[in-house]
Amino acid sequence: MQKPVFYYVYDGLCGWCFGFAPVVAKVQAAFHDKLSFEVLSGGMITGTRVGPIKEMAGYIKNAVPRLKQVTGITFGDAYLNEVLENGTYISNSLPPAIALAIFKEQFPDRQVHFAHSIQNLHFLEGKDLNNVNVYLPLAEAAGISEADFRAKFNDVKYREAAEKEFQLVQNWGIDGFPAVVIEKDEQLYLLSQGYQSYEDLTSTLNQLLEGKIGQKENS
């Protein structure tokens, strides 16, 4: 019998997703025998939204204290003092989505891990996710050669894979991140949209798996 699928809809540049990462990791550890896990990149910043982070820096700075209070997550000094203060970083959701597509193909059982690792590069270390070089330590640690990862990062196949995920998320009507969608018995259920604690999320998840509740998402 096929396991239900836990779709974690995130974006590499989403601060609330960064805060939600420990919750998702904990859910995967607790439910790995009951659920399959897949990460979908949502495409939060694409097209005309792509631009210098200074355009959003004020909003982000104001959100950081609330995010820290609610999630307990801590942003790195390199992100706060260099990326935000400098303001020249070009926010674009496509490059981290391409990187994740590469990791997902080779390590489908570790995609939650790689999604979190990509966000750590940005929100902890202040790395430029548009630059292929920042992903190389992750790739090499996973056994992917530098040459192989570089080639795939520039391969239209992985760009199209990322864009296909953006379109799927859009088709589901999801425009806020993080979100969780459960696929069970060939039906899709929107479990959460926005940050939720582990306790709240798993309470709803258990009820859904037991067939007690569930708001069906359009398939």
N, C-alpha and C. Protein backbone atom coordinates (compact mmCIF):
# COMPACT_ATOMS: atom_id res chain seq x y z
N MET A 1 0.84 -1.20 0.00
CA MET A 1 0.00 0.00 0.00
C MET A 1 0.88 1.25 0.00
N GLN A 2 0.57 2.17 -0.90
CA GLN A 2 1.39 3.37 -1.02
C GLN A 2 1.17 4.31 0.15
N LYS A 3 2.26 4.84 0.66
CA LYS A 3 2.17 5.78 1.78
C LYS A 3 1.58 7.11 1.31
N PRO A 4 0.84 7.80 2.18
CA PRO A 4 0.49 9.19 1.89
C PRO A 4 1.77 10.02 1.72
N VAL A 5 1.65 11.11 0.98
CA VAL A 5 2.81 11.97 0.73
C VAL A 5 2.65 13.28 1.49
N PHE A 6 3.70 13.66 2.18
CA PHE A 6 3.79 14.94 2.89
C PHE A 6 4.57 15.88 1.98
N TYR A 7 3.87 16.83 1.37
CA TYR A 7 4.53 17.82 0.52
C TYR A 7 4.84 19.06 1.36
N TYR A 8 6.10 19.33 1.51
CA TYR A 8 6.54 20.55 2.18
C TYR A 8 6.79 21.60 1.10
N VAL A 9 5.92 22.59 1.02
CA VAL A 9 6.02 23.64 0.01
C VAL A 9 6.77 24.81 0.63
N TYR A 10 7.95 25.06 0.11
CA TYR A 10 8.83 26.04 0.71
C TYR A 10 9.45 26.91 -0.37
N ASP A 11 10.23 27.88 0.04
CA ASP A 11 11.05 28.64 -0.89
C ASP A 11 12.40 28.89 -0.23
N GLY A 12 13.45 28.78 -1.02
CA GLY A 12 14.79 28.94 -0.46
C GLY A 12 15.03 30.29 0.19
N LEU A 13 14.26 31.30 -0.22
CA LEU A 13 14.44 32.65 0.31
C LEU A 13 13.40 33.04 1.35
N CYS A 14 12.60 32.08 1.77
CA CYS A 14 11.51 32.36 2.70
C CYS A 14 11.98 32.23 4.15
N GLY A 15 11.98 33.35 4.88
CA GLY A 15 12.42 33.35 6.26
C GLY A 15 11.55 32.50 7.17
N TRP A 16 10.25 32.51 6.96
CA TRP A 16 9.36 31.68 7.78
C TRP A 16 9.58 30.20 7.50
N CYS A 17 9.99 29.88 6.28
CA CYS A 17 10.35 28.49 5.97
C CYS A 17 11.61 28.09 6.73
N PHE A 18 12.55 29.02 6.83
CA PHE A 18 13.76 28.78 7.61
C PHE A 18 13.40 28.47 9.06
N GLY A 19 12.43 29.21 9.59
CA GLY A 19 11.97 28.97 10.95
C GLY A 19 11.18 27.68 11.09
N PHE A 20 10.55 27.26 10.01
CA PHE A 20 9.72 26.05 10.01
C PHE A 20 10.55 24.79 9.81
N ALA A 21 11.79 24.96 9.35
CA ALA A 21 12.65 23.82 9.01
C ALA A 21 12.79 22.80 10.14
N PRO A 22 13.05 23.23 11.39
CA PRO A 22 13.17 22.24 12.47
C PRO A 22 11.89 21.45 12.70
N VAL A 23 10.74 22.09 12.47
CA VAL A 23 9.46 21.40 12.63
C VAL A 23 9.33 20.29 11.59
N VAL A 24 9.65 20.62 10.33
CA VAL A 24 9.55 19.62 9.26
C VAL A 24 10.50 18.46 9.52
N ALA A 25 11.72 18.78 9.96
CA ALA A 25 12.69 17.72 10.25
C ALA A 25 12.18 16.80 11.36
N LYS A 26 11.55 17.39 12.36
CA LYS A 26 11.02 16.60 13.47
C LYS A 26 9.84 15.74 13.01
N VAL A 27 9.00 16.29 12.14
CA VAL A 27 7.87 15.52 11.60
C VAL A 27 8.39 14.34 10.79
N GLN A 28 9.41 14.59 9.97
CA GLN A 28 9.95 13.50 9.16
C GLN A 28 10.53 12.39 10.05
N ALA A 29 11.22 12.78 11.10
CA ALA A 29 11.79 11.78 12.00
C ALA A 29 10.70 10.94 12.67
N ALA A 30 9.58 11.57 12.99
CA ALA A 30 8.52 10.88 13.71
C ALA A 30 7.58 10.08 12.80
N PHE A 31 7.45 10.52 11.55
CA PHE A 31 6.45 9.92 10.66
C PHE A 31 7.05 9.25 9.43
N HIS A 32 8.34 9.01 9.42
CA HIS A 32 8.98 8.47 8.22
C HIS A 32 8.45 7.09 7.84
N ASP A 33 7.91 6.37 8.81
CA ASP A 33 7.37 5.05 8.51
C ASP A 33 5.94 5.11 8.00
N LYS A 34 5.30 6.26 8.14
CA LYS A 34 3.90 6.41 7.74
C LYS A 34 3.73 7.27 6.48
N LEU A 35 4.71 8.13 6.19
CA LEU A 35 4.59 9.10 5.11
C LEU A 35 5.82 9.11 4.23
N SER A 36 5.63 9.43 2.97
CA SER A 36 6.74 9.81 2.10
C SER A 36 6.84 11.33 2.13
N PHE A 37 8.06 11.84 2.03
CA PHE A 37 8.27 13.29 2.14
C PHE A 37 8.84 13.84 0.84
N GLU A 38 8.25 14.93 0.38
CA GLU A 38 8.77 15.61 -0.81
C GLU A 38 8.74 17.12 -0.57
N VAL A 39 9.80 17.78 -1.00
CA VAL A 39 9.87 19.24 -0.91
C VAL A 39 9.59 19.82 -2.28
N LEU A 40 8.72 20.81 -2.33
CA LEU A 40 8.43 21.54 -3.56
C LEU A 40 8.86 22.99 -3.39
N SER A 41 9.61 23.50 -4.34
CA SER A 41 9.99 24.91 -4.33
C SER A 41 8.83 25.74 -4.88
N GLY A 42 8.48 26.80 -4.15
CA GLY A 42 7.27 27.54 -4.48
C GLY A 42 7.42 28.70 -5.44
N GLY A 43 8.65 29.17 -5.65
CA GLY A 43 8.83 30.30 -6.57
C GLY A 43 8.31 31.61 -6.00
N MET A 44 8.68 31.92 -4.77
CA MET A 44 8.21 33.13 -4.11
C MET A 44 8.66 34.40 -4.81
N ILE A 45 9.90 34.40 -5.30
CA ILE A 45 10.46 35.59 -5.94
C ILE A 45 10.95 35.21 -7.33
N THR A 46 10.12 35.48 -8.32
CA THR A 46 10.45 35.18 -9.71
C THR A 46 9.94 36.31 -10.59
N GLY A 47 10.34 36.29 -11.86
CA GLY A 47 9.83 37.27 -12.82
C GLY A 47 10.12 38.69 -12.41
N THR A 48 9.10 39.52 -12.39
CA THR A 48 9.27 40.95 -12.08
C THR A 48 9.59 41.18 -10.60
N ARG A 49 9.43 40.16 -9.77
CA ARG A 49 9.75 40.31 -8.34
C ARG A 49 11.24 40.21 -8.07
N VAL A 50 11.98 39.64 -9.00
CA VAL A 50 13.43 39.51 -8.83
C VAL A 50 14.06 40.89 -8.77
N GLY A 51 14.90 41.11 -7.75
CA GLY A 51 15.55 42.41 -7.61
C GLY A 51 16.36 42.49 -6.34
N PRO A 52 17.01 43.64 -6.11
CA PRO A 52 17.86 43.80 -4.92
C PRO A 52 17.07 43.62 -3.62
N ILE A 53 17.70 42.99 -2.66
CA ILE A 53 17.02 42.72 -1.39
C ILE A 53 16.71 44.00 -0.63
N LYS A 54 17.38 45.09 -0.98
CA LYS A 54 17.12 46.36 -0.29
C LYS A 54 15.65 46.77 -0.42
N GLU A 55 14.98 46.32 -1.48
CA GLU A 55 13.58 46.66 -1.67
C GLU A 55 12.69 45.99 -0.61
N MET A 56 13.18 44.92 0.00
CA MET A 56 12.42 44.20 1.02
C MET A 56 13.10 44.21 2.38
N ALA A 57 14.27 44.84 2.46
CA ALA A 57 15.07 44.75 3.68
C ALA A 57 14.33 45.29 4.90
N GLY A 58 13.61 46.38 4.73
CA GLY A 58 12.87 46.96 5.85
C GLY A 58 11.83 46.00 6.39
N TYR A 59 11.09 45.39 5.49
CA TYR A 59 10.07 44.41 5.89
C TYR A 59 10.71 43.23 6.61
N ILE A 60 11.82 42.74 6.05
CA ILE A 60 12.49 41.57 6.63
C ILE A 60 13.02 41.89 8.03
N LYS A 61 13.66 43.05 8.17
CA LYS A 61 14.20 43.44 9.47
C LYS A 61 13.10 43.52 10.53
N ASN A 62 11.96 44.05 10.14
CA ASN A 62 10.85 44.16 11.08
C ASN A 62 10.28 42.79 11.44
N ALA A 63 10.38 41.84 10.51
CA ALA A 63 9.82 40.50 10.74
C ALA A 63 10.73 39.62 11.58
N VAL A 64 12.03 39.89 11.56
CA VAL A 64 12.99 39.01 12.22
C VAL A 64 12.70 38.81 13.72
N PRO A 65 12.44 39.87 14.50
CA PRO A 65 12.17 39.64 15.93
C PRO A 65 10.94 38.76 16.16
N ARG A 66 9.89 39.00 15.38
CA ARG A 66 8.68 38.19 15.52
C ARG A 66 8.95 36.74 15.13
N LEU A 67 9.70 36.57 14.05
CA LEU A 67 10.02 35.23 13.57
C LEU A 67 10.83 34.47 14.62
N LYS A 68 11.79 35.16 15.21
CA LYS A 68 12.62 34.54 16.24
C LYS A 68 11.79 34.17 17.46
N GLN A 69 10.88 35.07 17.84
CA GLN A 69 10.04 34.82 19.01
C GLN A 69 9.13 33.61 18.80
N VAL A 70 8.54 33.51 17.62
CA VAL A 70 7.57 32.45 17.35
C VAL A 70 8.25 31.10 17.11
N THR A 71 9.34 31.11 16.34
CA THR A 71 9.95 29.85 15.90
C THR A 71 11.17 29.44 16.72
N GLY A 72 11.81 30.41 17.38
CA GLY A 72 13.03 30.13 18.12
C GLY A 72 14.27 30.09 17.25
N ILE A 73 14.12 30.35 15.96
CA ILE A 73 15.25 30.29 15.04
C ILE A 73 16.11 31.54 15.18
N THR A 74 17.39 31.41 14.89
CA THR A 74 18.32 32.54 14.94
C THR A 74 18.96 32.73 13.58
N PHE A 75 18.94 33.97 13.11
CA PHE A 75 19.59 34.31 11.84
C PHE A 75 21.06 34.62 12.10
N GLY A 76 21.90 34.27 11.14
CA GLY A 76 23.32 34.51 11.28
C GLY A 76 23.69 35.97 11.12
N ASP A 77 24.76 36.38 11.78
CA ASP A 77 25.24 37.76 11.66
C ASP A 77 25.60 38.10 10.22
N ALA A 78 26.11 37.13 9.48
CA ALA A 78 26.48 37.39 8.09
C ALA A 78 25.26 37.77 7.27
N TYR A 79 24.13 37.17 7.56
CA TYR A 79 22.89 37.52 6.84
C TYR A 79 22.38 38.88 7.30
N LEU A 80 22.30 39.07 8.61
CA LEU A 80 21.73 40.31 9.14
C LEU A 80 22.60 41.52 8.84
N ASN A 81 23.92 41.37 9.03
CA ASN A 81 24.81 42.52 8.95
C ASN A 81 25.43 42.74 7.58
N GLU A 82 25.38 41.73 6.73
CA GLU A 82 25.98 41.88 5.41
C GLU A 82 24.92 41.85 4.31
N VAL A 83 24.14 40.78 4.26
CA VAL A 83 23.14 40.67 3.19
C VAL A 83 22.09 41.77 3.30
N LEU A 84 21.48 41.90 4.47
CA LEU A 84 20.42 42.89 4.63
C LEU A 84 20.96 44.31 4.61
N GLU A 85 22.04 44.56 5.32
CA GLU A 85 22.57 45.91 5.42
C GLU A 85 23.15 46.39 4.09
N ASN A 86 23.83 45.50 3.40
CA ASN A 86 24.41 45.87 2.11
C ASN A 86 23.32 46.16 1.08
N GLY A 87 22.34 45.29 1.02
CA GLY A 87 21.16 45.53 0.19
C GLY A 87 21.31 45.24 -1.29
N THR A 88 22.48 44.79 -1.73
CA THR A 88 22.70 44.58 -3.16
C THR A 88 22.40 43.15 -3.61
N TYR A 89 22.21 42.25 -2.67
CA TYR A 89 21.92 40.86 -3.03
C TYR A 89 20.67 40.80 -3.89
N ILE A 90 20.73 40.07 -5.01
CA ILE A 90 19.59 39.94 -5.90
C ILE A 90 18.75 38.74 -5.47
N SER A 91 17.56 39.02 -4.98
CA SER A 91 16.66 37.96 -4.54
C SER A 91 16.02 37.30 -5.75
N ASN A 92 16.24 36.00 -5.88
CA ASN A 92 15.71 35.23 -7.01
C ASN A 92 15.52 33.79 -6.55
N SER A 93 14.30 33.31 -6.57
CA SER A 93 14.01 31.97 -6.06
C SER A 93 14.46 30.85 -6.98
N LEU A 94 14.77 31.16 -8.24
CA LEU A 94 15.08 30.09 -9.19
C LEU A 94 16.39 29.36 -8.89
N PRO A 95 17.52 30.04 -8.64
CA PRO A 95 18.77 29.30 -8.42
C PRO A 95 18.71 28.29 -7.27
N PRO A 96 18.19 28.64 -6.08
CA PRO A 96 18.12 27.62 -5.04
C PRO A 96 17.16 26.48 -5.39
N ALA A 97 16.15 26.79 -6.19
CA ALA A 97 15.22 25.73 -6.62
C ALA A 97 15.91 24.77 -7.59
N ILE A 98 16.77 25.31 -8.45
CA ILE A 98 17.55 24.46 -9.36
C ILE A 98 18.48 23.56 -8.55
N ALA A 99 19.16 24.14 -7.57
CA ALA A 99 20.07 23.35 -6.74
C ALA A 99 19.31 22.22 -6.04
N LEU A 100 18.14 22.55 -5.50
CA LEU A 100 17.36 21.51 -4.81
C LEU A 100 16.92 20.43 -5.78
N ALA A 101 16.55 20.81 -7.00
CA ALA A 101 16.14 19.82 -8.00
C ALA A 101 17.26 18.82 -8.29
N ILE A 102 18.49 19.30 -8.30
CA ILE A 102 19.64 18.41 -8.51
C ILE A 102 19.78 17.43 -7.36
N PHE A 103 19.71 17.95 -6.14
CA PHE A 103 19.84 17.08 -4.97
C PHE A 103 18.68 16.08 -4.88
N LYS A 104 17.47 16.55 -5.21
CA LYS A 104 16.30 15.68 -5.14
C LYS A 104 16.43 14.49 -6.08
N GLU A 105 16.95 14.75 -7.27
CA GLU A 105 17.08 13.67 -8.25
C GLU A 105 18.02 12.57 -7.74
N GLN A 106 19.11 12.96 -7.13
CA GLN A 106 20.11 11.98 -6.70
C GLN A 106 19.83 11.41 -5.32
N PHE A 107 19.17 12.20 -4.47
CA PHE A 107 18.92 11.76 -3.09
C PHE A 107 17.47 12.04 -2.70
N PRO A 108 16.51 11.34 -3.30
CA PRO A 108 15.10 11.64 -3.02
C PRO A 108 14.72 11.47 -1.56
N ASP A 109 15.41 10.62 -0.84
CA ASP A 109 15.08 10.41 0.57
C ASP A 109 15.69 11.47 1.49
N ARG A 110 16.51 12.36 0.92
CA ARG A 110 17.19 13.37 1.74
C ARG A 110 16.83 14.79 1.33
N GLN A 111 15.75 14.95 0.59
CA GLN A 111 15.45 16.28 0.07
C GLN A 111 15.08 17.29 1.15
N VAL A 112 14.47 16.83 2.24
CA VAL A 112 14.19 17.74 3.35
C VAL A 112 15.51 18.27 3.92
N HIS A 113 16.46 17.38 4.08
CA HIS A 113 17.78 17.77 4.58
C HIS A 113 18.43 18.82 3.67
N PHE A 114 18.39 18.59 2.36
CA PHE A 114 19.05 19.52 1.45
C PHE A 114 18.32 20.86 1.38
N ALA A 115 17.01 20.84 1.47
CA ALA A 115 16.26 22.11 1.49
C ALA A 115 16.69 22.95 2.69
N HIS A 116 16.83 22.31 3.84
CA HIS A 116 17.25 23.01 5.04
C HIS A 116 18.70 23.50 4.90
N SER A 117 19.54 22.66 4.31
CA SER A 117 20.96 23.02 4.16
C SER A 117 21.13 24.22 3.24
N ILE A 118 20.33 24.29 2.19
CA ILE A 118 20.39 25.44 1.28
C ILE A 118 20.00 26.71 2.02
N GLN A 119 18.98 26.63 2.85
CA GLN A 119 18.57 27.82 3.61
C GLN A 119 19.63 28.22 4.64
N ASN A 120 20.30 27.25 5.22
CA ASN A 120 21.37 27.57 6.16
C ASN A 120 22.48 28.38 5.49
N LEU A 121 22.78 28.03 4.24
CA LEU A 121 23.80 28.78 3.50
C LEU A 121 23.45 30.26 3.45
N HIS A 122 22.20 30.55 3.25
CA HIS A 122 21.76 31.95 3.09
C HIS A 122 21.52 32.64 4.43
N PHE A 123 20.66 32.04 5.25
CA PHE A 123 20.21 32.73 6.46
C PHE A 123 21.18 32.63 7.64
N LEU A 124 22.08 31.66 7.62
CA LEU A 124 23.11 31.57 8.65
C LEU A 124 24.44 32.14 8.18
N GLU A 125 24.85 31.72 6.97
CA GLU A 125 26.18 32.07 6.48
C GLU A 125 26.20 33.30 5.57
N GLY A 126 25.03 33.78 5.19
CA GLY A 126 24.96 34.97 4.34
C GLY A 126 25.46 34.74 2.92
N LYS A 127 25.36 33.51 2.42
CA LYS A 127 25.86 33.19 1.09
C LYS A 127 24.89 33.65 0.00
N ASP A 128 25.45 33.89 -1.18
CA ASP A 128 24.69 34.30 -2.35
C ASP A 128 24.18 33.05 -3.07
N LEU A 129 22.90 32.78 -2.98
CA LEU A 129 22.35 31.56 -3.56
C LEU A 129 22.25 31.60 -5.07
N ASN A 130 22.60 32.75 -5.67
CA ASN A 130 22.66 32.83 -7.13
C ASN A 130 23.96 32.25 -7.67
N ASN A 131 24.93 32.07 -6.79
CA ASN A 131 26.28 31.65 -7.18
C ASN A 131 26.44 30.14 -7.00
N VAL A 132 26.70 29.44 -8.07
CA VAL A 132 26.82 27.99 -8.01
C VAL A 132 27.88 27.53 -7.02
N ASN A 133 28.91 28.35 -6.81
CA ASN A 133 30.01 27.95 -5.93
C ASN A 133 29.57 27.69 -4.50
N VAL A 134 28.52 28.36 -4.05
CA VAL A 134 28.12 28.21 -2.64
C VAL A 134 27.55 26.82 -2.37
N TYR A 135 27.07 26.16 -3.40
CA TYR A 135 26.47 24.83 -3.22
C TYR A 135 27.50 23.70 -3.28
N LEU A 136 28.69 24.02 -3.74
CA LEU A 136 29.68 22.96 -3.98
C LEU A 136 30.07 22.18 -2.73
N PRO A 137 30.24 22.83 -1.57
CA PRO A 137 30.53 22.02 -0.37
C PRO A 137 29.44 21.01 -0.05
N LEU A 138 28.16 21.40 -0.23
CA LEU A 138 27.06 20.45 -0.02
C LEU A 138 27.13 19.31 -1.01
N ALA A 139 27.40 19.66 -2.27
CA ALA A 139 27.46 18.65 -3.32
C ALA A 139 28.60 17.67 -3.08
N GLU A 140 29.77 18.21 -2.78
CA GLU A 140 30.94 17.36 -2.60
C GLU A 140 30.79 16.48 -1.36
N ALA A 141 30.18 17.01 -0.31
CA ALA A 141 29.95 16.20 0.89
C ALA A 141 28.99 15.05 0.61
N ALA A 142 28.11 15.26 -0.39
CA ALA A 142 27.14 14.23 -0.75
C ALA A 142 27.67 13.28 -1.82
N GLY A 143 28.89 13.54 -2.28
CA GLY A 143 29.49 12.66 -3.28
C GLY A 143 29.26 13.08 -4.71
N ILE A 144 28.79 14.32 -4.92
CA ILE A 144 28.62 14.85 -6.28
C ILE A 144 29.85 15.68 -6.61
N SER A 145 30.50 15.39 -7.71
CA SER A 145 31.72 16.12 -8.06
C SER A 145 31.39 17.56 -8.43
N GLU A 146 32.38 18.42 -8.28
CA GLU A 146 32.21 19.83 -8.65
C GLU A 146 31.80 19.96 -10.11
N ALA A 147 32.47 19.23 -10.98
CA ALA A 147 32.18 19.33 -12.41
C ALA A 147 30.75 18.88 -12.72
N ASP A 148 30.32 17.82 -12.07
CA ASP A 148 28.97 17.29 -12.30
C ASP A 148 27.93 18.29 -11.82
N PHE A 149 28.13 18.85 -10.63
CA PHE A 149 27.15 19.78 -10.10
C PHE A 149 27.09 21.05 -10.96
N ARG A 150 28.24 21.56 -11.35
CA ARG A 150 28.26 22.77 -12.19
C ARG A 150 27.51 22.53 -13.50
N ALA A 151 27.76 21.37 -14.11
CA ALA A 151 27.10 21.06 -15.38
C ALA A 151 25.58 20.99 -15.20
N LYS A 152 25.15 20.36 -14.13
CA LYS A 152 23.71 20.22 -13.89
C LYS A 152 23.07 21.56 -13.54
N PHE A 153 23.80 22.40 -12.82
CA PHE A 153 23.26 23.70 -12.43
C PHE A 153 22.95 24.55 -13.66
N ASN A 154 23.70 24.34 -14.72
CA ASN A 154 23.51 25.10 -15.95
C ASN A 154 22.72 24.34 -17.01
N ASP A 155 22.23 23.16 -16.65
CA ASP A 155 21.47 22.33 -17.58
C ASP A 155 20.00 22.75 -17.55
N VAL A 156 19.43 23.00 -18.71
CA VAL A 156 18.04 23.45 -18.79
C VAL A 156 17.08 22.44 -18.15
N LYS A 157 17.47 21.18 -18.09
CA LYS A 157 16.63 20.14 -17.49
C LYS A 157 16.25 20.49 -16.06
N TYR A 158 17.20 20.98 -15.28
CA TYR A 158 16.95 21.26 -13.87
C TYR A 158 16.23 22.60 -13.69
N ARG A 159 16.49 23.53 -14.59
CA ARG A 159 15.71 24.77 -14.58
C ARG A 159 14.24 24.46 -14.84
N GLU A 160 13.99 23.62 -15.81
CA GLU A 160 12.62 23.25 -16.13
C GLU A 160 11.97 22.47 -14.99
N ALA A 161 12.74 21.64 -14.30
CA ALA A 161 12.21 20.91 -13.15
C ALA A 161 11.77 21.88 -12.06
N ALA A 162 12.60 22.90 -11.81
CA ALA A 162 12.27 23.90 -10.80
C ALA A 162 11.02 24.68 -11.21
N GLU A 163 10.98 25.10 -12.46
CA GLU A 163 9.84 25.88 -12.93
C GLU A 163 8.55 25.06 -12.94
N LYS A 164 8.69 23.76 -13.16
CA LYS A 164 7.52 22.87 -13.10
C LYS A 164 6.97 22.83 -11.68
N GLU A 165 7.86 22.84 -10.69
CA GLU A 165 7.40 22.87 -9.30
C GLU A 165 6.69 24.19 -9.00
N PHE A 166 7.25 25.30 -9.48
CA PHE A 166 6.60 26.60 -9.28
C PHE A 166 5.17 26.55 -9.82
N GLN A 167 5.03 25.99 -11.02
CA GLN A 167 3.71 25.94 -11.67
C GLN A 167 2.75 25.04 -10.91
N LEU A 168 3.25 23.91 -10.42
CA LEU A 168 2.40 23.00 -9.66
C LEU A 168 1.88 23.68 -8.40
N VAL A 169 2.76 24.35 -7.69
CA VAL A 169 2.36 25.06 -6.47
C VAL A 169 1.33 26.14 -6.79
N GLN A 170 1.55 26.85 -7.88
CA GLN A 170 0.59 27.87 -8.31
C GLN A 170 -0.76 27.24 -8.65
N ASN A 171 -0.72 26.10 -9.33
CA ASN A 171 -1.96 25.41 -9.69
C ASN A 171 -2.74 24.97 -8.45
N TRP A 172 -2.02 24.67 -7.39
CA TRP A 172 -2.67 24.30 -6.14
C TRP A 172 -3.26 25.51 -5.40
N GLY A 173 -2.98 26.69 -5.90
CA GLY A 173 -3.50 27.90 -5.28
C GLY A 173 -2.73 28.37 -4.07
N ILE A 174 -1.50 27.90 -3.94
CA ILE A 174 -0.67 28.27 -2.78
C ILE A 174 0.22 29.44 -3.16
N ASP A 175 0.08 30.54 -2.45
CA ASP A 175 0.92 31.71 -2.71
C ASP A 175 1.57 32.25 -1.45
N GLY A 176 1.53 31.48 -0.38
CA GLY A 176 2.19 31.84 0.87
C GLY A 176 2.95 30.65 1.40
N PHE A 177 4.09 30.93 2.00
CA PHE A 177 4.99 29.85 2.42
C PHE A 177 5.42 30.07 3.87
N PRO A 178 5.67 28.96 4.58
CA PRO A 178 5.60 27.55 4.18
C PRO A 178 4.16 27.05 4.12
N ALA A 179 3.98 25.94 3.42
CA ALA A 179 2.69 25.25 3.39
C ALA A 179 2.95 23.75 3.40
N VAL A 180 1.96 23.02 3.85
CA VAL A 180 2.03 21.56 3.85
C VAL A 180 0.77 21.02 3.18
N VAL A 181 0.98 20.17 2.19
CA VAL A 181 -0.12 19.49 1.51
C VAL A 181 0.08 17.99 1.67
N ILE A 182 -0.98 17.30 2.00
CA ILE A 182 -0.93 15.85 2.14
C ILE A 182 -1.69 15.21 0.98
N GLU A 183 -1.06 14.25 0.33
CA GLU A 183 -1.74 13.46 -0.69
C GLU A 183 -2.07 12.10 -0.09
N LYS A 184 -3.36 11.83 0.00
CA LYS A 184 -3.83 10.60 0.64
C LYS A 184 -5.00 10.04 -0.16
N ASP A 185 -4.90 8.80 -0.54
CA ASP A 185 -5.97 8.14 -1.31
C ASP A 185 -6.33 8.94 -2.56
N GLU A 186 -5.28 9.41 -3.25
CA GLU A 186 -5.41 10.15 -4.50
C GLU A 186 -6.14 11.48 -4.35
N GLN A 187 -6.19 12.00 -3.14
CA GLN A 187 -6.76 13.32 -2.87
C GLN A 187 -5.70 14.19 -2.21
N LEU A 188 -5.79 15.49 -2.46
CA LEU A 188 -4.85 16.44 -1.86
C LEU A 188 -5.55 17.24 -0.77
N TYR A 189 -4.86 17.40 0.35
CA TYR A 189 -5.41 18.13 1.49
C TYR A 189 -4.41 19.19 1.93
N LEU A 190 -4.89 20.42 2.04
CA LEU A 190 -4.05 21.51 2.54
C LEU A 190 -4.01 21.42 4.06
N LEU A 191 -2.90 20.94 4.58
CA LEU A 191 -2.79 20.72 6.03
C LEU A 191 -2.48 22.01 6.77
N SER A 192 -1.62 22.84 6.17
CA SER A 192 -1.28 24.10 6.83
C SER A 192 -0.74 25.08 5.80
N GLN A 193 -0.93 26.36 6.10
CA GLN A 193 -0.30 27.42 5.31
C GLN A 193 0.16 28.48 6.30
N GLY A 194 1.47 28.70 6.31
CA GLY A 194 2.07 29.53 7.34
C GLY A 194 2.71 28.65 8.40
N TYR A 195 3.46 29.28 9.29
CA TYR A 195 4.16 28.53 10.33
C TYR A 195 3.19 27.88 11.30
N GLN A 196 3.49 26.65 11.69
CA GLN A 196 2.78 25.97 12.77
C GLN A 196 3.79 25.26 13.65
N SER A 197 3.47 25.16 14.91
CA SER A 197 4.32 24.40 15.82
C SER A 197 4.21 22.91 15.50
N TYR A 198 5.18 22.16 15.98
CA TYR A 198 5.16 20.71 15.79
C TYR A 198 3.89 20.10 16.39
N GLU A 199 3.52 20.56 17.56
CA GLU A 199 2.36 19.99 18.25
C GLU A 199 1.07 20.25 17.47
N ASP A 200 0.90 21.48 16.99
CA ASP A 200 -0.31 21.80 16.24
C ASP A 200 -0.35 21.06 14.90
N LEU A 201 0.79 21.04 14.23
CA LEU A 201 0.85 20.40 12.92
C LEU A 201 0.58 18.90 13.02
N THR A 202 1.21 18.25 13.97
CA THR A 202 1.05 16.79 14.07
C THR A 202 -0.32 16.41 14.62
N SER A 203 -0.93 17.28 15.40
CA SER A 203 -2.30 17.01 15.86
C SER A 203 -3.24 16.94 14.67
N THR A 204 -3.13 17.93 13.78
CA THR A 204 -3.97 17.93 12.58
C THR A 204 -3.60 16.78 11.65
N LEU A 205 -2.30 16.52 11.53
CA LEU A 205 -1.83 15.45 10.66
C LEU A 205 -2.37 14.09 11.11
N ASN A 206 -2.32 13.83 12.40
CA ASN A 206 -2.82 12.55 12.91
C ASN A 206 -4.32 12.39 12.65
N GLN A 207 -5.06 13.47 12.83
CA GLN A 207 -6.50 13.40 12.56
C GLN A 207 -6.77 13.13 11.09
N LEU A 208 -5.98 13.74 10.22
CA LEU A 208 -6.14 13.51 8.79
C LEU A 208 -5.82 12.07 8.43
N LEU A 209 -4.72 11.56 8.96
CA LEU A 209 -4.32 10.19 8.65
C LEU A 209 -5.34 9.17 9.18
N GLU A 210 -6.01 9.55 10.26
CA GLU A 210 -7.03 8.66 10.84
C GLU A 210 -8.39 8.84 10.16
N GLY A 211 -8.46 9.75 9.19
CA GLY A 211 -9.69 9.95 8.44
C GLY A 211 -10.73 10.79 9.14
N LYS A 212 -10.33 11.52 10.18
CA LYS A 212 -11.29 12.29 10.97
C LYS A 212 -11.57 13.67 10.39
N ILE A 213 -10.55 14.27 9.75
CA ILE A 213 -10.72 15.61 9.20
C ILE A 213 -9.98 15.70 7.87
N GLY A 214 -10.09 16.86 7.23
CA GLY A 214 -9.31 17.12 6.03
C GLY A 214 -10.04 17.99 5.06
N GLN A 215 -9.44 19.14 4.74
CA GLN A 215 -9.99 20.01 3.71
C GLN A 215 -9.33 19.66 2.40
N LYS A 216 -10.12 19.23 1.45
CA LYS A 216 -9.57 18.77 0.17
C LYS A 216 -9.07 19.94 -0.66
N GLU A 217 -7.88 19.79 -1.19
CA GLU A 217 -7.28 20.77 -2.09
C GLU A 217 -7.63 20.37 -3.52
N ASN A 218 -7.73 21.33 -4.40
CA ASN A 218 -8.01 21.02 -5.80
C ASN A 218 -6.88 20.21 -6.41
N SER A 219 -7.20 19.15 -7.10
CA SER A 219 -6.17 18.32 -7.72
C SER A 219 -6.02 18.65 -9.19
